Every structure is written in C-alpha cells, then in structure tokens.
Amino acid sequence: MKLSRRLIPDVTTLQAFECAARHGSFTQAAHELNLTQSAVSRQIKDLEEQIGVLLFERVRQRVVLSEDGRRFLPEVRKLLHQTEETMLRAMATASSEHSLSLATLPTFGSRWLTPRLPGFLAQYPGTVLNIASRSEPFDFDEENFDLAIHYGQPVWARAACSYLCGEVILPVASPALLESWRLADPKDLERAPLLHLATRPKLWAQWFELTGASAETAYRGNRFDQFSMVIEAALAGLGFALVPLYLIEQEIAGGRLAVVFDRPMQTENSYYLVVPEGKLENPLSQAFRAWIVGQVR
C-alpha cells in the first residue's frame, strides 16, 4: 500500500511537540532545540492543522497538553525512539560486512550468552551484533529482530521455534548462610528465608512437593522480577534461591554459591530459538542457530 506523504509528519515537528510537552513551555523547548520561540510555535500550529486537533491549551504563562495532546504524546515518543534506534543501528553496522539482531531473555543473555559470544564472532569476523532484552514474545513485524531466545512453549506468531534445551533448577545459597542454617533435610527449608522469582511464583511450592516438604510455607520471602536479582540476593545472603544451574556456573565454580540439596527439578517449559518466517533462510541466522545449539550441547 502506498503511503500518503500528507500523513507523514516531519520528525523535527514531532521533536518540537515532545519537547514543548515535556517542558510545558514553547520558550524552553526552543532553547533546548536551538530554535526561536516563534519557530516552535509555528511547528506546533502546523502539526495541529495537519491532524485536525488542538494539542495545547494556554494556562496563564504556560502551555498545557490538551486531552488529545496527552493521547498523542506516548505515540510520538515511541516513534521518535524508534527513529533514533533505526539511525543508531544503521550507523553501527555501516562499516560491517554482516549484522545480526537478537532479542534475548535478560539473565540468559547477560550470564550465559554474552560470555560465549567471542567464540561466535571469532568464527564470523566482521559481524556486528545488536542484542536487546525481551522477557515476553513480541511482534517481529514491529520490532526488527532476526532471532529471539524464548523460554516457554514452542508457540510464537508468524515465527518458527527450534528447541535449544530444557531447564533444571536447584536450591542454592551463599556458603555463609548455608553454614548458619545447617540444613539436614529439604523439609528444613520450610522455615528458612526463601527468594522468589516474581514471574514464576510457584517454583518453591513445586520443589517442596517434589521433595516431600510442605508447600504451605513455600510462598514466604522476598520477590524479584529477574533471575539476575535473585542470584545477587542469594550472593548477599538474603535467602535460599531456586536457580537454573547454567546461570550460576561461575558462582558455583568460585565457591560463592553452593548447592543446598542435590535434588534437581525439571521445569515444564524449555528454551527455544525463534526465527521470524521472513528470515528463515538468512545465512547468518542459520549460522547462529548451529553455533548456539553446539554451545548448549
């Protein structure tokens, strides 16, 4: 479908609108943008005429967003952010032979994937990686990624999921905390301080049921929304954590964390590499898939 140029606003006009909305002042917006106050005022007027609504109301010596302006502002900020990201990505890959954009789970990306990436780049020199954190599935049509790392079931709209590995979790703690509690049986954890991942609130209850402990006390304790924060809390001695072993390889090897009980639990979901339908034949995506499968194995 051919786009109508009349419906595409000038980016500088959108910048003027966002800046004026943030400051509540055309004068301050002009100062930030290195323009005159009349130039900003004219840009806002042109934008209002283009979309057919009043974006600002004058209240005393300030300008205040109208109801239409408040609805319009989040979309403008999103568009400006996407424009900036597009330019930065183009600049980053301008001199490279190949580029690959990957969305990954935050803790998986920082603790498991990133330390191994030098090996991939050594095999494919000249490649520039663009890696971003995403915790939930997204629309590949709206976000320009070549690949994604997904934890859950192999279901993603308009994309193919390739199995990477399952997940096994174990209870761990700092050596100092473990020494102070002197646990002899999994049931002893019923009274211990527990650390929870907010997005998986039933992990401890499931592990307690697996080991014969009472699940009634499994929901007590502090909650965190990322595994990385759960791990840091465990390192600080705040409590006992259920964590995938692959995320704490260095901490276990260095003696900073210790396995409390060797009673592993397989979670119901798995990790998958996701490729959008339109990029299944991308040679670099295929190369990355082969490489990461090898790393997992």
Protein backbone atom coordinates (compact mmCIF):
# COMPACT_ATOMS: atom_id res chain seq x y z
CA MET A 1 0.00 0.00 0.00
CA LYS A 2 1.37 3.39 -0.96
CA LEU A 3 1.84 5.78 1.97
CA SER A 4 0.32 9.23 1.83
CA ARG A 5 3.03 11.86 2.28
CA ARG A 6 0.42 14.18 3.77
CA LEU A 7 0.02 11.83 6.70
CA ILE A 8 3.75 11.58 7.45
CA PRO A 9 4.80 14.38 9.83
CA ASP A 10 8.25 15.90 9.81
CA VAL A 11 10.47 14.44 12.57
CA THR A 12 11.62 17.89 13.67
CA THR A 13 7.98 18.89 14.17
CA LEU A 14 7.40 15.84 16.37
CA GLN A 15 10.54 16.72 18.32
CA ALA A 16 9.21 20.22 18.90
CA PHE A 17 5.89 18.82 20.15
CA GLU A 18 7.56 16.32 22.51
CA CYS A 19 9.95 18.92 23.87
CA ALA A 20 7.20 21.51 24.43
CA ALA A 21 5.04 18.89 26.16
CA ARG A 22 7.93 17.88 28.44
CA HIS A 23 8.74 21.47 29.45
CA GLY A 24 5.21 22.87 29.36
CA SER A 25 6.75 25.82 27.53
CA PHE A 26 7.42 26.77 23.92
CA THR A 27 10.23 29.06 25.09
CA GLN A 28 12.12 26.32 26.95
CA ALA A 29 11.54 23.92 24.08
CA ALA A 30 13.02 26.49 21.70
CA HIS A 31 16.07 26.88 23.96
CA GLU A 32 16.66 23.10 24.04
CA LEU A 33 16.20 22.73 20.28
CA ASN A 34 18.24 25.86 19.47
CA LEU A 35 15.29 27.47 17.71
CA THR A 36 13.28 30.64 18.22
CA GLN A 37 10.07 30.56 20.24
CA SER A 38 8.10 31.61 17.17
CA ALA A 39 9.59 28.72 15.15
CA VAL A 40 8.47 26.17 17.76
CA SER A 41 5.04 27.80 17.97
CA ARG A 42 4.72 27.61 14.19
CA GLN A 43 5.72 23.92 14.12
CA ILE A 44 3.10 23.08 16.75
CA LYS A 45 0.43 25.03 14.84
CA ASP A 46 1.32 23.21 11.61
CA LEU A 47 1.08 19.86 13.39
CA GLU A 48 -2.31 20.76 14.89
CA GLU A 49 -3.60 21.76 11.47
CA GLN A 50 -2.25 18.54 9.94
CA ILE A 51 -4.03 16.22 12.40
CA GLY A 52 -7.02 18.49 12.99
CA VAL A 53 -6.92 18.73 16.81
CA LEU A 54 -5.73 21.22 19.43
CA LEU A 55 -2.66 19.78 21.15
CA PHE A 56 -2.01 22.53 23.72
CA GLU A 57 -4.09 24.88 25.84
CA ARG A 58 -2.68 28.11 27.23
CA VAL A 59 -2.99 28.39 31.00
CA ARG A 60 -1.57 31.62 32.48
CA GLN A 61 2.04 31.79 31.30
CA ARG A 62 2.33 28.10 30.44
CA VAL A 63 1.11 25.72 27.75
CA VAL A 64 -0.64 22.55 28.91
CA LEU A 65 -1.39 19.46 26.87
CA SER A 66 -4.99 19.06 25.82
CA GLU A 67 -6.74 15.72 26.17
CA ASP A 68 -5.89 14.97 22.54
CA GLY A 69 -2.30 16.02 23.19
CA ARG A 70 -1.99 13.65 26.14
CA ARG A 71 -3.21 10.76 23.99
CA PHE A 72 -0.86 11.73 21.15
CA LEU A 73 2.31 12.16 23.24
CA PRO A 74 3.12 8.48 24.04
CA GLU A 75 2.85 7.55 20.36
CA VAL A 76 5.12 10.42 19.36
CA ARG A 77 7.73 9.40 21.94
CA LYS A 78 7.59 5.82 20.71
CA LEU A 79 8.05 6.95 17.10
CA LEU A 80 10.98 9.23 17.99
CA HIS A 81 12.64 6.44 19.96
CA GLN A 82 12.22 4.01 17.06
CA THR A 83 13.63 6.58 14.64
CA GLU A 84 16.69 7.10 16.83
CA GLU A 85 17.18 3.35 17.25
CA THR A 86 16.98 2.88 13.50
CA MET A 87 19.63 5.51 12.87
CA LEU A 88 21.96 4.21 15.58
CA ARG A 89 21.62 0.65 14.29
CA ALA A 90 22.38 1.79 10.74
CA MET A 91 25.43 3.75 11.96
CA ALA A 92 26.68 0.77 13.99
CA THR A 93 26.54 -1.58 11.01
CA ALA A 94 27.65 0.90 8.34
CA SER A 95 31.18 -0.49 8.03
CA SER A 96 30.44 -4.12 8.86
CA GLU A 97 30.07 -6.99 6.44
CA HIS A 98 27.17 -8.59 8.33
CA SER A 99 24.85 -7.74 11.20
CA LEU A 100 22.56 -9.79 13.40
CA SER A 101 19.84 -8.50 15.73
CA LEU A 102 18.93 -10.76 18.64
CA ALA A 103 16.32 -10.44 21.39
CA THR A 104 17.18 -12.47 24.47
CA LEU A 105 15.91 -13.12 27.96
CA PRO A 106 17.77 -10.68 30.25
CA THR A 107 19.57 -13.05 32.62
CA PHE A 108 20.15 -15.69 29.94
CA GLY A 109 21.73 -13.01 27.78
CA SER A 110 23.98 -11.48 30.42
CA ARG A 111 25.09 -14.63 32.26
CA TRP A 112 25.12 -17.43 29.70
CA LEU A 113 25.10 -15.99 26.19
CA THR A 114 27.37 -12.94 26.38
CA PRO A 115 30.43 -14.75 27.80
CA ARG A 116 30.26 -17.19 24.86
CA LEU A 117 29.79 -14.62 22.08
CA PRO A 118 33.52 -14.09 21.45
CA GLY A 119 33.57 -17.64 20.10
CA PHE A 120 30.80 -16.85 17.60
CA LEU A 121 32.44 -13.61 16.49
CA ALA A 122 35.75 -15.40 16.04
CA GLN A 123 34.03 -17.78 13.61
CA TYR A 124 32.26 -14.95 11.79
CA PRO A 125 34.60 -11.92 11.82
CA GLY A 126 33.17 -8.64 10.62
CA THR A 127 29.76 -9.40 12.17
CA VAL A 128 28.11 -6.70 14.28
CA LEU A 129 25.63 -7.89 16.92
CA ASN A 130 22.64 -5.91 18.13
CA ILE A 131 21.37 -7.57 21.32
CA ALA A 132 18.39 -6.40 23.36
CA SER A 133 16.50 -7.79 26.34
CA ARG A 134 12.94 -9.04 25.92
CA SER A 135 11.12 -11.06 28.56
CA GLU A 136 7.94 -11.76 26.60
CA PRO A 137 7.05 -12.65 22.98
CA PHE A 138 6.67 -9.65 20.68
CA ASP A 139 5.65 -8.91 17.10
CA PHE A 140 8.58 -9.34 14.72
CA ASP A 141 6.78 -7.05 12.27
CA GLU A 142 7.02 -4.21 14.79
CA GLU A 143 10.49 -4.96 16.15
CA ASN A 144 13.23 -5.65 13.64
CA PHE A 145 15.00 -8.68 15.14
CA ASP A 146 16.50 -11.58 13.22
CA LEU A 147 16.25 -14.01 16.14
CA ALA A 148 14.92 -14.32 19.67
CA ILE A 149 15.65 -16.53 22.68
CA HIS A 150 12.36 -17.69 24.18
CA TYR A 151 11.52 -19.55 27.40
CA GLY A 152 8.13 -21.25 27.44
CA GLN A 153 6.27 -23.38 24.93
CA PRO A 154 7.18 -23.52 21.19
CA VAL A 155 4.46 -21.06 20.24
CA TRP A 156 5.17 -17.69 18.57
CA ALA A 157 3.01 -15.98 15.95
CA ARG A 158 4.48 -15.95 12.43
CA ALA A 159 7.76 -17.49 13.58
CA ALA A 160 9.45 -20.89 13.87
CA CYS A 161 10.69 -22.20 17.24
CA SER A 162 13.71 -24.51 17.45
CA TYR A 163 14.33 -26.41 20.69
CA LEU A 164 17.54 -25.48 22.49
CA CYS A 165 17.35 -27.16 25.90
CA GLY A 166 15.23 -27.91 28.91
CA GLU A 167 15.75 -26.31 32.28
CA VAL A 168 16.83 -27.88 35.56
CA ILE A 169 16.78 -25.83 38.75
CA LEU A 170 18.45 -26.44 42.11
CA PRO A 171 18.31 -24.76 45.53
CA VAL A 172 21.43 -22.68 46.20
CA ALA A 173 22.69 -20.29 48.86
CA SER A 174 25.79 -18.44 49.95
CA PRO A 175 28.19 -20.66 51.94
CA ALA A 176 27.81 -18.39 54.99
CA LEU A 177 24.01 -18.68 55.01
CA LEU A 178 24.20 -22.42 54.41
CA GLU A 179 26.60 -22.82 57.32
CA SER A 180 24.39 -20.82 59.67
CA TRP A 181 21.29 -22.94 58.95
CA ARG A 182 22.93 -26.41 58.89
CA LEU A 183 20.09 -27.99 56.93
CA ALA A 184 19.79 -31.79 57.09
CA ASP A 185 16.62 -32.37 55.06
CA PRO A 186 14.63 -30.46 52.40
CA LYS A 187 11.84 -30.09 54.97
CA ASP A 188 14.18 -27.83 56.97
CA LEU A 189 13.75 -25.20 54.24
CA GLU A 190 10.11 -24.78 55.27
CA ARG A 191 11.25 -22.33 57.95
CA ALA A 192 14.15 -20.78 56.03
CA PRO A 193 14.17 -17.40 54.19
CA LEU A 194 13.28 -18.02 50.55
CA LEU A 195 13.94 -15.91 47.45
CA HIS A 196 11.30 -15.91 44.72
CA LEU A 197 11.18 -15.04 41.03
CA ALA A 198 8.02 -12.96 40.66
CA THR A 199 7.26 -14.27 37.18
CA ARG A 200 7.42 -17.87 38.44
CA PRO A 201 5.83 -17.67 41.90
CA LYS A 202 5.14 -21.41 42.23
CA LEU A 203 8.71 -22.70 41.83
CA TRP A 204 9.36 -23.28 45.52
CA ALA A 205 5.93 -24.88 46.02
CA GLN A 206 6.63 -27.28 43.16
CA TRP A 207 10.08 -28.14 44.53
CA PHE A 208 8.69 -28.67 48.04
CA GLU A 209 6.08 -31.07 46.67
CA LEU A 210 8.79 -32.91 44.72
CA THR A 211 10.91 -33.40 47.85
CA GLY A 212 8.11 -34.17 50.29
CA ALA A 213 8.17 -30.83 52.12
CA SER A 214 5.05 -28.81 52.88
CA ALA A 215 4.07 -26.37 50.11
CA GLU A 216 2.04 -24.25 52.56
CA THR A 217 5.11 -22.23 53.55
CA ALA A 218 6.60 -22.09 50.07
CA TYR A 219 5.38 -18.58 49.23
CA ARG A 220 7.11 -16.70 52.05
CA GLY A 221 10.07 -14.44 51.33
CA ASN A 222 11.36 -11.65 49.13
CA ARG A 223 10.42 -11.39 45.46
CA PHE A 224 12.41 -10.19 42.45
CA ASP A 225 11.39 -9.86 38.80
CA GLN A 226 14.63 -11.14 37.23
CA PHE A 227 16.79 -14.20 37.88
CA SER A 228 19.81 -11.89 37.93
CA MET A 229 18.42 -10.11 41.01
CA VAL A 230 17.54 -13.41 42.66
CA ILE A 231 21.14 -14.53 42.16
CA GLU A 232 22.55 -11.30 43.58
CA ALA A 233 20.23 -11.61 46.59
CA ALA A 234 21.46 -15.16 47.15
CA LEU A 235 25.08 -13.98 46.93
CA ALA A 236 24.30 -11.31 49.52
CA GLY A 237 22.96 -13.96 51.88
CA LEU A 238 19.35 -12.77 51.82
CA GLY A 239 17.96 -16.29 51.47
CA PHE A 240 17.81 -19.57 49.58
CA ALA A 241 17.15 -19.45 45.83
CA LEU A 242 15.93 -21.87 43.17
CA VAL A 243 18.02 -21.11 40.10
CA PRO A 244 18.90 -22.87 36.81
CA LEU A 245 22.39 -24.23 37.27
CA TYR A 246 23.62 -22.87 33.93
CA LEU A 247 23.08 -19.30 35.17
CA ILE A 248 25.44 -19.68 38.14
CA GLU A 249 28.30 -21.70 36.66
CA GLN A 250 30.93 -19.14 37.71
CA GLU A 251 29.49 -18.64 41.20
CA ILE A 252 29.44 -22.39 41.86
CA ALA A 253 32.94 -22.88 40.46
CA GLY A 254 34.25 -19.98 42.54
CA GLY A 255 32.59 -21.13 45.74
CA ARG A 256 30.43 -18.02 46.05
CA LEU A 257 27.25 -20.12 45.88
CA ALA A 258 26.70 -23.71 46.96
CA VAL A 259 24.04 -26.27 46.11
CA VAL A 260 21.90 -26.82 49.20
CA PHE A 261 20.40 -30.19 48.24
CA ASP A 262 21.21 -32.15 45.10
CA ARG A 263 17.53 -32.54 44.26
CA PRO A 264 17.16 -31.09 40.75
CA MET A 265 13.73 -30.26 39.33
CA GLN A 266 12.92 -30.17 35.62
CA THR A 267 10.65 -27.23 34.80
CA GLU A 268 7.70 -27.66 32.46
CA ASN A 269 8.96 -25.15 29.88
CA SER A 270 12.07 -25.08 27.70
CA TYR A 271 14.32 -22.68 25.81
CA TYR A 272 13.82 -22.09 22.09
CA LEU A 273 15.50 -20.12 19.34
CA VAL A 274 12.83 -18.21 17.43
CA VAL A 275 13.19 -17.05 13.81
CA PRO A 276 10.56 -14.92 12.05
CA GLU A 277 9.04 -16.54 8.98
CA GLY A 278 10.56 -13.99 6.61
CA LYS A 279 14.12 -14.64 7.81
CA LEU A 280 14.27 -18.42 7.93
CA GLU A 281 16.73 -18.52 5.02
CA ASN A 282 19.05 -15.84 6.41
CA PRO A 283 22.54 -17.47 6.27
CA LEU A 284 23.81 -15.65 9.37
CA SER A 285 20.71 -16.63 11.36
CA GLN A 286 21.26 -20.24 10.33
CA ALA A 287 24.90 -19.99 11.34
CA PHE A 288 23.97 -18.57 14.74
CA ARG A 289 21.45 -21.36 15.27
CA ALA A 290 24.06 -24.03 14.53
CA TRP A 291 26.55 -22.31 16.82
CA ILE A 292 24.22 -21.89 19.82
CA VAL A 293 22.95 -25.48 19.55
CA GLY A 294 26.57 -26.57 19.72
CA GLN A 295 27.17 -24.39 22.77
CA VAL A 296 24.14 -25.82 24.57
CA ARG A 297 25.21 -29.39 23.87
